[in-house]
C-alpha atoms as a PDB file:
ATOM      1  CA  MET A   1     -42.404 -65.289 -86.534  1.00  0.00           C
ATOM      2  CA  SER A   2     -43.895 -61.804 -86.487  1.00  0.00           C
ATOM      3  CA  TYR A   3     -41.837 -58.692 -87.248  1.00  0.00           C
ATOM      4  CA  GLN A   4     -42.122 -57.692 -83.647  1.00  0.00           C
ATOM      5  CA  ASP A   5     -40.699 -61.022 -82.478  1.00  0.00           C
ATOM      6  CA  GLN A   6     -37.881 -60.753 -85.013  1.00  0.00           C
ATOM      7  CA  PHE A   7     -37.082 -57.298 -83.690  1.00  0.00           C
ATOM      8  CA  LEU A   8     -37.035 -58.362 -80.079  1.00  0.00           C
ATOM      9  CA  LYS A   9     -34.779 -61.280 -80.929  1.00  0.00           C
ATOM     10  CA  HIS A  10     -32.491 -58.802 -82.708  1.00  0.00           C
ATOM     11  CA  LEU A  11     -32.275 -56.742 -79.512  1.00  0.00           C
ATOM     12  CA  GLN A  12     -31.452 -59.821 -77.469  1.00  0.00           C
ATOM     13  CA  VAL A  13     -28.911 -61.442 -79.776  1.00  0.00           C
ATOM     14  CA  GLN A  14     -27.341 -58.580 -81.712  1.00  0.00           C
ATOM     15  CA  LYS A  15     -27.728 -55.632 -79.362  1.00  0.00           C
ATOM     16  CA  ARG A  16     -27.444 -57.689 -76.138  1.00  0.00           C
ATOM     17  CA  TYR A  17     -30.072 -55.643 -74.389  1.00  0.00           C
ATOM     18  CA  SER A  18     -31.007 -56.658 -70.867  1.00  0.00           C
ATOM     19  CA  PRO A  19     -34.228 -58.753 -70.332  1.00  0.00           C
ATOM     20  CA  ARG A  20     -35.775 -55.796 -68.528  1.00  0.00           C
ATOM     21  CA  THR A  21     -35.176 -53.436 -71.507  1.00  0.00           C
ATOM     22  CA  ILE A  22     -36.555 -56.014 -73.933  1.00  0.00           C
ATOM     23  CA  ASP A  23     -39.677 -56.378 -71.813  1.00  0.00           C
ATOM     24  CA  LEU A  24     -40.163 -52.604 -71.859  1.00  0.00           C
ATOM     25  CA  TYR A  25     -39.867 -52.567 -75.655  1.00  0.00           C
ATOM     26  CA  ARG A  26     -42.317 -55.441 -75.967  1.00  0.00           C
ATOM     27  CA  GLU A  27     -44.800 -53.727 -73.716  1.00  0.00           C
ATOM     28  CA  ALA A  28     -44.559 -50.429 -75.652  1.00  0.00           C
ATOM     29  CA  ILE A  29     -45.000 -52.047 -79.077  1.00  0.00           C
ATOM     30  CA  SER A  30     -47.793 -54.373 -77.967  1.00  0.00           C
ATOM     31  CA  GLY A  31     -49.562 -51.406 -76.333  1.00  0.00           C
ATOM     32  CA  PHE A  32     -49.508 -49.560 -79.655  1.00  0.00           C
ATOM     33  CA  TYR A  33     -50.978 -52.513 -81.546  1.00  0.00           C
ATOM     34  CA  LEU A  34     -53.582 -53.013 -78.818  1.00  0.00           C
ATOM     35  CA  PHE A  35     -54.619 -49.354 -79.206  1.00  0.00           C
ATOM     36  CA  ILE A  36     -54.874 -49.727 -82.950  1.00  0.00           C
ATOM     37  CA  SER A  37     -56.850 -52.987 -82.469  1.00  0.00           C
ATOM     38  CA  LEU A  38     -55.033 -54.743 -85.285  1.00  0.00           C
ATOM     39  CA  PRO A  39     -57.113 -57.725 -86.373  1.00  0.00           C
ATOM     40  CA  ASP A  40     -54.418 -59.695 -88.144  1.00  0.00           C
ATOM     41  CA  GLU A  41     -50.733 -59.838 -87.101  1.00  0.00           C
ATOM     42  CA  ASN A  42     -49.833 -60.503 -90.745  1.00  0.00           C
ATOM     43  CA  ASN A  43     -50.810 -56.855 -91.386  1.00  0.00           C
ATOM     44  CA  GLU A  44     -48.702 -55.495 -88.596  1.00  0.00           C
ATOM     45  CA  LEU A  45     -46.855 -53.016 -90.893  1.00  0.00           C
ATOM     46  CA  ILE A  46     -50.087 -51.254 -91.915  1.00  0.00           C
ATOM     47  CA  PRO A  47     -50.709 -49.141 -88.745  1.00  0.00           C
ATOM     48  CA  LEU A  48     -47.110 -47.922 -88.480  1.00  0.00           C
ATOM     49  CA  GLU A  49     -47.808 -44.473 -89.837  1.00  0.00           C
ATOM     50  CA  TYR A  50     -47.579 -40.978 -88.430  1.00  0.00           C
ATOM     51  CA  ASN A  51     -51.257 -40.423 -87.699  1.00  0.00           C
ATOM     52  CA  ASN A  52     -51.733 -43.680 -85.837  1.00  0.00           C
ATOM     53  CA  ILE A  53     -48.643 -43.159 -83.753  1.00  0.00           C
ATOM     54  CA  ARG A  54     -49.652 -39.589 -82.956  1.00  0.00           C
ATOM     55  CA  SER A  55     -53.105 -40.761 -81.910  1.00  0.00           C
ATOM     56  CA  TYR A  56     -51.519 -43.390 -79.658  1.00  0.00           C
ATOM     57  CA  ILE A  57     -49.316 -40.802 -77.975  1.00  0.00           C
ATOM     58  CA  SER A  58     -52.340 -38.544 -77.446  1.00  0.00           C
ATOM     59  CA  SER A  59     -54.185 -41.385 -75.784  1.00  0.00           C
ATOM     60  CA  LEU A  60     -51.204 -41.900 -73.404  1.00  0.00           C
ATOM     61  CA  ALA A  61     -51.241 -38.166 -72.569  1.00  0.00           C
ATOM     62  CA  ASN A  62     -54.978 -38.351 -71.876  1.00  0.00           C
ATOM     63  CA  ARG A  63     -54.341 -41.176 -69.459  1.00  0.00           C
ATOM     64  CA  LYS A  64     -51.992 -38.807 -67.574  1.00  0.00           C
ATOM     65  CA  LEU A  65     -48.846 -40.781 -68.323  1.00  0.00           C
ATOM     66  CA  SER A  66     -45.742 -38.788 -67.551  1.00  0.00           C
ATOM     67  CA  ALA A  67     -43.699 -37.249 -70.319  1.00  0.00           C
ATOM     68  CA  ARG A  68     -40.877 -39.575 -69.437  1.00  0.00           C
ATOM     69  CA  SER A  69     -43.034 -42.704 -69.835  1.00  0.00           C
ATOM     70  CA  ILE A  70     -44.412 -41.460 -73.157  1.00  0.00           C
ATOM     71  CA  ASN A  71     -40.928 -40.693 -74.468  1.00  0.00           C
ATOM     72  CA  LEU A  72     -39.752 -44.204 -73.468  1.00  0.00           C
ATOM     73  CA  LYS A  73     -42.594 -45.762 -75.473  1.00  0.00           C
ATOM     74  CA  LEU A  74     -41.790 -43.476 -78.404  1.00  0.00           C
ATOM     75  CA  SER A  75     -38.143 -44.524 -78.269  1.00  0.00           C
ATOM     76  CA  ALA A  76     -39.187 -48.192 -78.382  1.00  0.00           C
ATOM     77  CA  LEU A  77     -41.491 -47.614 -81.366  1.00  0.00           C
ATOM     78  CA  SER A  78     -38.806 -45.553 -83.058  1.00  0.00           C
ATOM     79  CA  SER A  79     -36.225 -48.364 -82.661  1.00  0.00           C
ATOM     80  CA  PHE A  80     -38.760 -50.833 -84.029  1.00  0.00           C
ATOM     81  CA  CYS A  81     -39.494 -48.639 -87.065  1.00  0.00           C
ATOM     82  CA  SER A  82     -35.819 -48.057 -87.729  1.00  0.00           C
ATOM     83  CA  TYR A  83     -35.246 -51.808 -87.660  1.00  0.00           C
ATOM     84  CA  LEU A  84     -38.077 -52.300 -90.156  1.00  0.00           C
ATOM     85  CA  TYR A  85     -36.663 -49.514 -92.349  1.00  0.00           C
ATOM     86  CA  LYS A  86     -33.248 -51.135 -92.430  1.00  0.00           C
ATOM     87  CA  GLU A  87     -34.899 -54.428 -93.344  1.00  0.00           C
ATOM     88  CA  GLY A  88     -36.621 -52.675 -96.266  1.00  0.00           C
ATOM     89  CA  LEU A  89     -40.092 -53.139 -94.813  1.00  0.00           C
ATOM     90  CA  LEU A  90     -40.786 -49.422 -94.225  1.00  0.00           C
ATOM     91  CA  SER A  91     -39.996 -46.486 -96.486  1.00  0.00           C
ATOM     92  CA  SER A  92     -39.171 -44.241 -93.524  1.00  0.00           C
ATOM     93  CA  ASN A  93     -39.372 -43.985 -89.735  1.00  0.00           C
ATOM     94  CA  PRO A  94     -42.721 -42.242 -88.981  1.00  0.00           C
ATOM     95  CA  VAL A  95     -41.833 -41.740 -85.308  1.00  0.00           C
ATOM     96  CA  LYS A  96     -39.237 -39.108 -86.233  1.00  0.00           C
ATOM     97  CA  LYS A  97     -42.081 -36.790 -87.271  1.00  0.00           C
ATOM     98  CA  VAL A  98     -43.916 -37.110 -83.940  1.00  0.00           C
ATOM     99  CA  ARG A  99     -43.272 -34.270 -81.476  1.00  0.00           C
ATOM    100  CA  ARG A 100     -42.088 -35.614 -78.164  1.00  0.00           C
ATOM    101  CA  PRO A 101     -43.501 -34.170 -74.950  1.00  0.00           C
ATOM    102  CA  LYS A 102     -41.072 -32.088 -72.925  1.00  0.00           C
ATOM    103  CA  GLN A 103     -39.987 -33.599 -69.668  1.00  0.00           C
ATOM    104  CA  SER A 104     -38.385 -31.835 -66.756  1.00  0.00           C
ATOM    105  CA  LYS A 105     -34.946 -33.052 -65.787  1.00  0.00           C
ATOM    106  CA  PRO A 106     -34.572 -33.123 -62.025  1.00  0.00           C
ATOM    107  CA  LEU A 107     -31.129 -32.432 -60.692  1.00  0.00           C
ATOM    108  CA  PRO A 108     -29.361 -35.642 -59.685  1.00  0.00           C
ATOM    109  CA  GLY A 109     -29.379 -36.165 -55.942  1.00  0.00           C
ATOM    110  CA  PHE A 110     -26.172 -36.783 -54.036  1.00  0.00           C
ATOM    111  CA  TYR A 111     -25.033 -37.599 -50.520  1.00  0.00           C
ATOM    112  CA  PRO A 112     -23.075 -35.095 -48.408  1.00  0.00           C
ATOM    113  CA  LYS A 113     -19.344 -35.741 -48.430  1.00  0.00           C
ATOM    114  CA  GLU A 114     -19.414 -35.765 -44.644  1.00  0.00           C
ATOM    115  CA  ALA A 115     -21.868 -38.688 -44.604  1.00  0.00           C
ATOM    116  CA  ILE A 116     -19.676 -40.667 -47.028  1.00  0.00           C
ATOM    117  CA  GLU A 117     -16.575 -39.972 -44.904  1.00  0.00           C
ATOM    118  CA  ARG A 118     -18.339 -41.131 -41.709  1.00  0.00           C
ATOM    119  CA  TYR A 119     -19.417 -44.339 -43.487  1.00  0.00           C
ATOM    120  CA  PHE A 120     -15.838 -45.250 -44.473  1.00  0.00           C
ATOM    121  CA  GLU A 121     -14.434 -44.290 -41.098  1.00  0.00           C
ATOM    122  CA  GLY A 122     -16.836 -46.673 -39.400  1.00  0.00           C
ATOM    123  CA  GLY A 123     -15.487 -49.894 -40.783  1.00  0.00           C
ATOM    124  CA  PRO A 124     -17.470 -53.099 -41.586  1.00  0.00           C
ATOM    125  CA  ALA A 125     -20.394 -53.862 -39.338  1.00  0.00           C
ATOM    126  CA  GLY A 126     -19.205 -57.447 -38.723  1.00  0.00           C
ATOM    127  CA  ASP A 127     -16.552 -60.019 -39.412  1.00  0.00           C
ATOM    128  CA  SER A 128     -18.352 -62.173 -41.964  1.00  0.00           C
ATOM    129  CA  PHE A 129     -17.193 -62.308 -45.576  1.00  0.00           C
ATOM    130  CA  SER A 130     -20.591 -61.072 -46.895  1.00  0.00           C
ATOM    131  CA  GLU A 131     -20.401 -57.945 -44.647  1.00  0.00           C
ATOM    132  CA  PHE A 132     -16.885 -57.201 -45.873  1.00  0.00           C
ATOM    133  CA  ARG A 133     -18.015 -57.795 -49.499  1.00  0.00           C
ATOM    134  CA  ASP A 134     -20.963 -55.409 -49.078  1.00  0.00           C
ATOM    135  CA  ARG A 135     -18.723 -52.641 -47.791  1.00  0.00           C
ATOM    136  CA  ILE A 136     -16.321 -53.144 -50.722  1.00  0.00           C
ATOM    137  CA  VAL A 137     -19.320 -52.867 -53.114  1.00  0.00           C
ATOM    138  CA  VAL A 138     -20.184 -49.418 -51.721  1.00  0.00           C
ATOM    139  CA  GLU A 139     -16.536 -48.370 -51.859  1.00  0.00           C
ATOM    140  CA  VAL A 140     -16.080 -49.504 -55.504  1.00  0.00           C
ATOM    141  CA  ILE A 141     -19.232 -47.753 -56.691  1.00  0.00           C
ATOM    142  CA  TYR A 142     -18.500 -44.499 -54.889  1.00  0.00           C
ATOM    143  CA  THR A 143     -14.747 -44.420 -55.615  1.00  0.00           C
ATOM    144  CA  THR A 144     -15.006 -45.258 -59.341  1.00  0.00           C
ATOM    145  CA  GLY A 145     -18.514 -44.001 -60.113  1.00  0.00           C
ATOM    146  CA  ILE A 146     -19.367 -47.181 -62.078  1.00  0.00           C
ATOM    147  CA  ARG A 147     -22.961 -48.194 -62.796  1.00  0.00           C
ATOM    148  CA  ARG A 148     -24.506 -51.097 -60.940  1.00  0.00           C
ATOM    149  CA  ALA A 149     -24.547 -53.233 -64.114  1.00  0.00           C
ATOM    150  CA  GLU A 150     -20.881 -52.465 -64.669  1.00  0.00           C
ATOM    151  CA  LEU A 151     -20.083 -53.556 -61.119  1.00  0.00           C
ATOM    152  CA  ALA A 152     -22.108 -56.774 -61.569  1.00  0.00           C
ATOM    153  CA  GLY A 153     -20.139 -57.503 -64.714  1.00  0.00           C
ATOM    154  CA  LEU A 154     -16.689 -56.928 -63.222  1.00  0.00           C
ATOM    155  CA  LYS A 155     -14.258 -59.866 -63.411  1.00  0.00           C
ATOM    156  CA  ILE A 156     -11.147 -60.331 -61.369  1.00  0.00           C
ATOM    157  CA  GLY A 157      -9.097 -59.976 -64.547  1.00  0.00           C
ATOM    158  CA  ASP A 158     -10.525 -56.466 -65.045  1.00  0.00           C
ATOM    159  CA  TYR A 159      -8.525 -55.282 -62.001  1.00  0.00           C
ATOM    160  CA  ASP A 160      -5.031 -54.288 -63.155  1.00  0.00           C
ATOM    161  CA  ARG A 161      -3.177 -53.731 -59.944  1.00  0.00           C
ATOM    162  CA  SER A 162       0.143 -52.950 -61.581  1.00  0.00           C
ATOM    163  CA  ARG A 163      -1.384 -50.045 -63.489  1.00  0.00           C
ATOM    164  CA  GLY A 164      -3.825 -49.118 -60.759  1.00  0.00           C
ATOM    165  CA  LEU A 165      -7.049 -49.299 -62.748  1.00  0.00           C
ATOM    166  CA  LEU A 166     -10.259 -51.139 -63.457  1.00  0.00           C
ATOM    167  CA  ARG A 167     -11.327 -52.032 -67.014  1.00  0.00           C
ATOM    168  CA  VAL A 168     -15.073 -51.505 -67.234  1.00  0.00           C
ATOM    169  CA  THR A 169     -17.540 -52.489 -69.966  1.00  0.00           C
ATOM    170  CA  GLY A 170     -20.322 -49.929 -70.067  1.00  0.00           C
ATOM    171  CA  LYS A 171     -23.345 -49.084 -72.195  1.00  0.00           C
ATOM    172  CA  GLY A 172     -23.124 -50.169 -75.801  1.00  0.00           C
ATOM    173  CA  ARG A 173     -20.334 -52.585 -74.891  1.00  0.00           C
ATOM    174  CA  LYS A 174     -17.941 -49.642 -74.716  1.00  0.00           C
ATOM    175  CA  SER A 175     -14.833 -50.223 -72.560  1.00  0.00           C
ATOM    176  CA  ARG A 176     -13.049 -47.656 -70.452  1.00  0.00           C
ATOM    177  CA  GLU A 177     -10.317 -47.616 -67.850  1.00  0.00           C
ATOM    178  CA  ILE A 178     -10.895 -46.066 -64.413  1.00  0.00           C
ATOM    179  CA  PRO A 179      -8.060 -45.107 -62.032  1.00  0.00           C
ATOM    180  CA  VAL A 180      -8.078 -46.830 -58.650  1.00  0.00           C
ATOM    181  CA  THR A 181      -7.074 -44.885 -55.515  1.00  0.00           C
ATOM    182  CA  GLU A 182      -4.484 -46.238 -53.056  1.00  0.00           C
ATOM    183  CA  GLU A 183      -7.271 -46.748 -50.480  1.00  0.00           C
ATOM    184  CA  LEU A 184      -9.336 -48.812 -52.896  1.00  0.00           C
ATOM    185  CA  THR A 185      -6.250 -50.788 -53.957  1.00  0.00           C
ATOM    186  CA  VAL A 186      -5.664 -51.842 -50.355  1.00  0.00           C
ATOM    187  CA  ALA A 187      -9.353 -52.647 -49.902  1.00  0.00           C
ATOM    188  CA  LEU A 188      -9.535 -54.696 -53.122  1.00  0.00           C
ATOM    189  CA  ASP A 189      -6.364 -56.589 -52.306  1.00  0.00           C
ATOM    190  CA  GLY A 190      -7.784 -57.594 -48.906  1.00  0.00           C
ATOM    191  CA  TYR A 191     -11.168 -58.438 -50.376  1.00  0.00           C
ATOM    192  CA  LEU A 192      -9.784 -60.659 -53.173  1.00  0.00           C
ATOM    193  CA  GLU A 193      -7.615 -62.547 -50.670  1.00  0.00           C
ATOM    194  CA  LEU A 194     -10.709 -63.389 -48.626  1.00  0.00           C
ATOM    195  CA  PHE A 195     -12.749 -63.978 -51.868  1.00  0.00           C
ATOM    196  CA  ARG A 196     -10.370 -66.686 -53.057  1.00  0.00           C
ATOM    197  CA  GLU A 197     -10.684 -68.463 -49.690  1.00  0.00           C
ATOM    198  CA  GLU A 198     -14.468 -68.188 -49.776  1.00  0.00           C
ATOM    199  CA  TYR A 199     -14.767 -69.280 -53.393  1.00  0.00           C
ATOM    200  CA  PRO A 200     -11.690 -71.389 -54.359  1.00  0.00           C
ATOM    201  CA  ASP A 201     -13.579 -72.557 -57.442  1.00  0.00           C
ATOM    202  CA  ASN A 202     -14.751 -69.560 -59.505  1.00  0.00           C
ATOM    203  CA  PRO A 203     -14.828 -70.607 -63.177  1.00  0.00           C
ATOM    204  CA  SER A 204     -16.825 -67.550 -64.197  1.00  0.00           C
ATOM    205  CA  GLY A 205     -14.138 -65.231 -62.891  1.00  0.00           C
ATOM    206  CA  TYR A 206     -16.599 -62.643 -61.580  1.00  0.00           C
ATOM    207  CA  MET A 207     -15.281 -60.356 -58.871  1.00  0.00           C
ATOM    208  CA  PHE A 208     -18.547 -60.311 -56.904  1.00  0.00           C
ATOM    209  CA  LEU A 209     -20.758 -63.300 -56.151  1.00  0.00           C
ATOM    210  CA  THR A 210     -23.952 -63.602 -54.160  1.00  0.00           C
ATOM    211  CA  ASP A 211     -24.145 -65.575 -50.903  1.00  0.00           C
ATOM    212  CA  SER A 212     -25.080 -68.651 -52.982  1.00  0.00           C
ATOM    213  CA  GLY A 213     -22.036 -68.183 -55.261  1.00  0.00           C
ATOM    214  CA  GLN A 214     -23.915 -66.772 -58.283  1.00  0.00           C
ATOM    215  CA  PRO A 215     -22.958 -63.634 -60.254  1.00  0.00           C
ATOM    216  CA  PHE A 216     -24.507 -60.423 -58.983  1.00  0.00           C
ATOM    217  CA  TYR A 217     -27.873 -59.367 -60.444  1.00  0.00           C
ATOM    218  CA  LEU A 218     -28.995 -55.725 -60.430  1.00  0.00           C
ATOM    219  CA  SER A 219     -31.546 -55.868 -57.649  1.00  0.00           C
ATOM    220  CA  PHE A 220     -28.981 -57.613 -55.446  1.00  0.00           C
ATOM    221  CA  VAL A 221     -26.648 -54.597 -55.869  1.00  0.00           C
ATOM    222  CA  ASN A 222     -29.532 -52.271 -54.964  1.00  0.00           C
ATOM    223  CA  LYS A 223     -30.193 -54.350 -51.843  1.00  0.00           C
ATOM    224  CA  ILE A 224     -26.610 -54.214 -50.711  1.00  0.00           C
ATOM    225  CA  VAL A 225     -26.301 -50.435 -51.063  1.00  0.00           C
ATOM    226  CA  ARG A 226     -29.664 -49.728 -49.451  1.00  0.00           C
ATOM    227  CA  ARG A 227     -28.815 -52.006 -46.482  1.00  0.00           C
ATOM    228  CA  GLU A 228     -25.319 -50.559 -46.002  1.00  0.00           C
ATOM    229  CA  LEU A 229     -26.424 -46.912 -46.071  1.00  0.00           C
ATOM    230  CA  GLN A 230     -29.423 -47.564 -43.804  1.00  0.00           C
ATOM    231  CA  LYS A 231     -27.158 -49.167 -41.254  1.00  0.00           C
ATOM    232  CA  ALA A 232     -24.658 -46.302 -41.432  1.00  0.00           C
ATOM    233  CA  GLY A 233     -27.246 -43.524 -40.987  1.00  0.00           C
ATOM    234  CA  GLY A 234     -26.851 -39.943 -42.138  1.00  0.00           C
ATOM    235  CA  PHE A 235     -27.984 -40.721 -45.697  1.00  0.00           C
ATOM    236  CA  ASP A 236     -31.322 -38.979 -46.468  1.00  0.00           C
ATOM    237  CA  GLY A 237     -33.553 -39.753 -49.436  1.00  0.00           C
ATOM    238  CA  LYS A 238     -33.181 -42.633 -51.784  1.00  0.00           C
ATOM    239  CA  LYS A 239     -30.372 -45.028 -50.992  1.00  0.00           C
ATOM    240  CA  SER A 240     -29.147 -46.473 -54.272  1.00  0.00           C
ATOM    241  CA  PRO A 241     -26.048 -47.169 -56.381  1.00  0.00           C
ATOM    242  CA  HIS A 242     -27.167 -44.443 -58.797  1.00  0.00           C
ATOM    243  CA  VAL A 243     -27.100 -41.750 -56.094  1.00  0.00           C
ATOM    244  CA  LEU A 244     -23.640 -42.959 -55.054  1.00  0.00           C
ATOM    245  CA  ARG A 245     -22.544 -42.475 -58.649  1.00  0.00           C
ATOM    246  CA  HIS A 246     -24.031 -38.986 -58.691  1.00  0.00           C
ATOM    247  CA  SER A 247     -22.299 -38.270 -55.368  1.00  0.00           C
ATOM    248  CA  ILE A 248     -18.784 -38.962 -56.548  1.00  0.00           C
ATOM    249  CA  ALA A 249     -19.394 -36.966 -59.710  1.00  0.00           C
ATOM    250  CA  THR A 250     -20.588 -33.957 -57.668  1.00  0.00           C
ATOM    251  CA  HIS A 251     -17.745 -34.268 -55.132  1.00  0.00           C
ATOM    252  CA  LEU A 252     -15.137 -34.478 -57.888  1.00  0.00           C
ATOM    253  CA  LEU A 253     -16.537 -31.364 -59.501  1.00  0.00           C
ATOM    254  CA  ASN A 254     -16.647 -29.500 -56.177  1.00  0.00           C
ATOM    255  CA  ASN A 255     -12.978 -30.459 -55.602  1.00  0.00           C
ATOM    256  CA  GLY A 256     -11.915 -28.937 -58.917  1.00  0.00           C
ATOM    257  CA  ALA A 257     -11.961 -31.896 -61.380  1.00  0.00           C
ATOM    258  CA  ASP A 258     -12.718 -30.776 -64.907  1.00  0.00           C
ATOM    259  CA  LEU A 259     -15.931 -31.927 -66.748  1.00  0.00           C
ATOM    260  CA  ASN A 260     -14.062 -33.885 -69.433  1.00  0.00           C
ATOM    261  CA  SER A 261     -12.246 -36.004 -66.840  1.00  0.00           C
ATOM    262  CA  ILE A 262     -15.472 -36.748 -65.036  1.00  0.00           C
ATOM    263  CA  LYS A 263     -17.124 -37.567 -68.333  1.00  0.00           C
ATOM    264  CA  GLU A 264     -14.437 -40.162 -69.154  1.00  0.00           C
ATOM    265  CA  VAL A 265     -14.579 -41.754 -65.686  1.00  0.00           C
ATOM    266  CA  LEU A 266     -18.375 -42.008 -65.689  1.00  0.00           C
ATOM    267  CA  GLY A 267     -18.535 -43.324 -69.271  1.00  0.00           C
ATOM    268  CA  HIS A 268     -20.878 -40.592 -70.547  1.00  0.00           C
ATOM    269  CA  SER A 269     -21.325 -40.538 -74.325  1.00  0.00           C
ATOM    270  CA  SER A 270     -21.485 -36.686 -74.385  1.00  0.00           C
ATOM    271  CA  LEU A 271     -20.391 -33.813 -72.235  1.00  0.00           C
ATOM    272  CA  ALA A 272     -24.017 -32.653 -71.939  1.00  0.00           C
ATOM    273  CA  ALA A 273     -24.793 -35.662 -69.738  1.00  0.00           C
ATOM    274  CA  THR A 274     -21.997 -34.616 -67.371  1.00  0.00           C
ATOM    275  CA  GLN A 275     -22.904 -30.927 -67.242  1.00  0.00           C
ATOM    276  CA  VAL A 276     -25.965 -31.629 -65.063  1.00  0.00           C
ATOM    277  CA  TYR A 277     -23.563 -31.886 -62.130  1.00  0.00           C
ATOM    278  CA  THR A 278     -22.550 -28.273 -62.500  1.00  0.00           C
ATOM    279  CA  HIS A 279     -25.960 -27.323 -61.079  1.00  0.00           C
ATOM    280  CA  ASN A 280     -25.198 -29.218 -57.882  1.00  0.00           C
ATOM    281  CA  SER A 281     -21.780 -27.631 -57.810  1.00  0.00           C
ATOM    282  CA  PHE A 282     -23.359 -24.176 -58.118  1.00  0.00           C
ATOM    283  CA  GLU A 283     -25.666 -24.902 -55.176  1.00  0.00           C
ATOM    284  CA  GLN A 284     -22.637 -25.754 -53.076  1.00  0.00           C
ATOM    285  CA  LEU A 285     -20.865 -22.598 -54.283  1.00  0.00           C
ATOM    286  CA  LYS A 286     -23.998 -20.559 -53.458  1.00  0.00           C
ATOM    287  CA  LYS A 287     -24.116 -21.869 -49.874  1.00  0.00           C
ATOM    288  CA  THR A 288     -20.439 -21.159 -49.334  1.00  0.00           C
ATOM    289  CA  PHE A 289     -20.743 -17.744 -50.890  1.00  0.00           C
ATOM    290  CA  ILE A 290     -23.742 -16.725 -48.757  1.00  0.00           C
ATOM    291  CA  LYS A 291     -22.187 -18.083 -45.613  1.00  0.00           C
ATOM    292  CA  ALA A 292     -18.922 -16.157 -46.161  1.00  0.00           C
ATOM    293  CA  HIS A 293     -20.267 -12.953 -47.666  1.00  0.00           C
ATOM    294  CA  PRO A 294     -20.113 -10.045 -45.179  1.00  0.00           C
ATOM    295  CA  ARG A 295     -23.285  -8.447 -46.469  1.00  0.00           C
ATOM    296  CA  ALA A 296     -25.195 -11.717 -46.146  1.00  0.00           C
ATOM    297  CA  LYS A 297     -24.690 -11.960 -42.362  1.00  0.00           C
ATOM    298  CA  LYS A 298     -27.215 -10.633 -39.874  1.00  0.00           C
ATOM    299  CA  GLY A 299     -26.641  -6.988 -39.166  1.00  0.00           C
ATOM    300  CA  GLY A 300     -24.348  -6.740 -42.209  1.00  0.00           C
END
């Protein structure tokens, strides 16, 4: 087994990375070796040096790859080299010396609070269980701000009704507790009652199952959110679980929640990741300020 295969197996078994992430790592590392044109996989450690990696990154830039794509490939190579270093196969991680291209960070998009409120005032589009389930999916994501993978991994036992919270397992297998509002409590109670009638045998214990009774997969969550928001109308731009997550973060901040509280709810590893929402909050403040300012009005 090559070092690359050993590394990818390590990501799968020890790190429990998703198949999609492992595929991205495989593609990045294989792309590097293809660029180097390594003749013999037994010598796969030889080209892992600063100059070769820098040349590879330069070739990606010449192909007009975005800074984000290049940095993702660098991260994969860096993880691979760190693994080899820990195994005593490299004396250092050469990727750490390579300058990463700067990438712009677009502000996270969010939906207007009015559109969200209209959606929940409308009620389910039909009487079927799947339509009720889809609405609850949107409500859980928006109310709690959890990621789509966290929603897909939710189990009924993660809902602690007596304490009014959900126990969520996030990135890096880190667990956190998220408060549940009274409205969501009522919605979840009604949903779970129907769920047990629909799926009397649920050995996996998952809270959400597909129409065929299988655990949710990520693209299925995307499909539900996109379909629900398209039916509701009033939601411009991309319709996704991620934008719902951004929306509740922005709305919480606009309503006076402090950054540390939002950080804990969202499961961010650092406050810097949460601070991006202050820009959206400022834009809202700016609009309110300009609208109310006497010198900003016509003829003022």
